[in-house]
C-alpha atoms as a PDB file:
ATOM      1  CA  MET A   1    -113.478  -9.473 -69.754  1.00  0.00           C
ATOM      2  CA  ALA A   2    -111.191  -6.225 -68.657  1.00  0.00           C
ATOM      3  CA  THR A   3    -111.409  -5.147 -72.512  1.00  0.00           C
ATOM      4  CA  LEU A   4    -115.147  -5.288 -72.427  1.00  0.00           C
ATOM      5  CA  LEU A   5    -115.086  -3.390 -69.128  1.00  0.00           C
ATOM      6  CA  VAL A   6    -112.740  -0.805 -70.617  1.00  0.00           C
ATOM      7  CA  PHE A   7    -115.254  -0.335 -73.675  1.00  0.00           C
ATOM      8  CA  PHE A   8    -118.302  -0.301 -71.575  1.00  0.00           C
ATOM      9  CA  MET A   9    -116.888   2.282 -69.488  1.00  0.00           C
ATOM     10  CA  ALA A  10    -115.380   4.330 -72.288  1.00  0.00           C
ATOM     11  CA  GLY A  11    -117.045   3.814 -75.408  1.00  0.00           C
ATOM     12  CA  SER A  12    -113.824   2.980 -76.850  1.00  0.00           C
ATOM     13  CA  MET A  13    -111.273  -0.100 -76.878  1.00  0.00           C
ATOM     14  CA  ILE A  14    -108.590   2.326 -76.283  1.00  0.00           C
ATOM     15  CA  PHE A  15    -108.668   4.156 -73.088  1.00  0.00           C
ATOM     16  CA  ASP A  16    -106.130   7.503 -72.879  1.00  0.00           C
ATOM     17  CA  PRO A  17    -104.334   6.849 -69.514  1.00  0.00           C
ATOM     18  CA  GLN A  18    -104.475  10.600 -69.048  1.00  0.00           C
ATOM     19  CA  GLU A  19    -107.866  10.658 -68.642  1.00  0.00           C
ATOM     20  CA  ASP A  20    -109.894  10.273 -65.223  1.00  0.00           C
ATOM     21  CA  LEU A  21    -112.031   7.269 -64.642  1.00  0.00           C
ATOM     22  CA  GLN A  22    -114.969   7.628 -62.125  1.00  0.00           C
ATOM     23  CA  VAL A  23    -116.442   4.832 -59.824  1.00  0.00           C
ATOM     24  CA  LEU A  24    -119.451   5.664 -58.255  1.00  0.00           C
ATOM     25  CA  PHE A  25    -121.791   3.556 -56.395  1.00  0.00           C
ATOM     26  CA  ASN A  26    -125.647   3.205 -56.509  1.00  0.00           C
ATOM     27  CA  THR A  27    -127.522   2.611 -53.008  1.00  0.00           C
ATOM     28  CA  ASP A  28    -130.991   2.239 -54.528  1.00  0.00           C
ATOM     29  CA  HIS A  29    -131.859  -1.649 -54.020  1.00  0.00           C
ATOM     30  CA  LYS A  30    -134.020  -1.873 -57.107  1.00  0.00           C
ATOM     31  CA  LYS A  31    -130.947  -1.814 -59.323  1.00  0.00           C
ATOM     32  CA  VAL A  32    -129.071  -4.419 -60.136  1.00  0.00           C
ATOM     33  CA  LEU A  33    -127.140  -3.867 -63.312  1.00  0.00           C
ATOM     34  CA  LEU A  34    -124.008  -1.658 -63.568  1.00  0.00           C
ATOM     35  CA  GLU A  35    -124.647   1.752 -65.326  1.00  0.00           C
ATOM     36  CA  ALA A  36    -121.965   3.377 -67.418  1.00  0.00           C
ATOM     37  CA  ASP A  37    -121.811   6.951 -68.939  1.00  0.00           C
ATOM     38  CA  SER A  38    -119.053   6.592 -71.560  1.00  0.00           C
ATOM     39  CA  CYS A  39    -118.822  10.439 -72.193  1.00  0.00           C
ATOM     40  CA  PHE A  40    -117.305  11.066 -68.810  1.00  0.00           C
ATOM     41  CA  ASN A  41    -115.821   7.696 -68.337  1.00  0.00           C
ATOM     42  CA  ARG A  42    -117.981   6.861 -65.232  1.00  0.00           C
ATOM     43  CA  ILE A  43    -119.137   3.338 -64.160  1.00  0.00           C
ATOM     44  CA  VAL A  44    -122.142   3.370 -61.473  1.00  0.00           C
ATOM     45  CA  ILE A  45    -121.779   0.121 -59.380  1.00  0.00           C
ATOM     46  CA  PRO A  46    -124.874  -1.032 -57.485  1.00  0.00           C
ATOM     47  CA  THR A  47    -124.846  -2.056 -53.790  1.00  0.00           C
ATOM     48  CA  SER A  48    -127.988  -4.006 -53.979  1.00  0.00           C
ATOM     49  CA  HIS A  49    -126.199  -7.732 -54.033  1.00  0.00           C
ATOM     50  CA  LYS A  50    -126.366  -9.928 -51.374  1.00  0.00           C
ATOM     51  CA  THR A  51    -123.543 -12.349 -52.224  1.00  0.00           C
ATOM     52  CA  TYR A  52    -120.518 -12.029 -54.663  1.00  0.00           C
ATOM     53  CA  GLU A  53    -122.226 -14.591 -56.919  1.00  0.00           C
ATOM     54  CA  GLU A  54    -125.008 -12.114 -57.610  1.00  0.00           C
ATOM     55  CA  PHE A  55    -122.474  -9.553 -58.280  1.00  0.00           C
ATOM     56  CA  ALA A  56    -120.599 -11.290 -60.851  1.00  0.00           C
ATOM     57  CA  LYS A  57    -123.422 -12.535 -62.643  1.00  0.00           C
ATOM     58  CA  ALA A  58    -124.899  -8.868 -62.544  1.00  0.00           C
ATOM     59  CA  PHE A  59    -121.242  -7.810 -63.726  1.00  0.00           C
ATOM     60  CA  LYS A  60    -121.162 -10.069 -66.658  1.00  0.00           C
ATOM     61  CA  SER A  61    -124.672  -9.566 -67.728  1.00  0.00           C
ATOM     62  CA  SER A  62    -123.846  -5.332 -67.754  1.00  0.00           C
ATOM     63  CA  VAL A  63    -120.459  -5.675 -69.637  1.00  0.00           C
ATOM     64  CA  THR A  64    -121.157  -8.065 -72.364  1.00  0.00           C
ATOM     65  CA  LEU A  65    -124.813  -7.075 -72.965  1.00  0.00           C
ATOM     66  CA  GLY A  66    -124.225  -3.390 -72.440  1.00  0.00           C
ATOM     67  CA  ALA A  67    -121.049  -3.197 -74.121  1.00  0.00           C
ATOM     68  CA  GLU A  68    -122.596  -2.213 -77.637  1.00  0.00           C
ATOM     69  CA  GLY A  69    -124.520   0.830 -77.758  1.00  0.00           C
ATOM     70  CA  TYR A  70    -125.452   1.398 -74.524  1.00  0.00           C
ATOM     71  CA  GLY A  71    -124.596   4.691 -73.051  1.00  0.00           C
ATOM     72  CA  ARG A  72    -122.800   5.950 -75.667  1.00  0.00           C
ATOM     73  CA  CYS A  73    -122.383  10.171 -76.620  1.00  0.00           C
END
């Protein structure tokens, strides 16, 4: 799952450790899925989940379904 997360964020399976990673939080309660901007190695995490289980489901869906062709430069 960690490899998919890197691919989701950076658009590549290889990440240069010299590059910055940005983690932002979205307080819009209508948003449930994570968003990525691979041009800037940025991930936006929604804060709308009431339980860890809700967050885990959204996280897994975002990373596995969005890892191919989503948010790429």
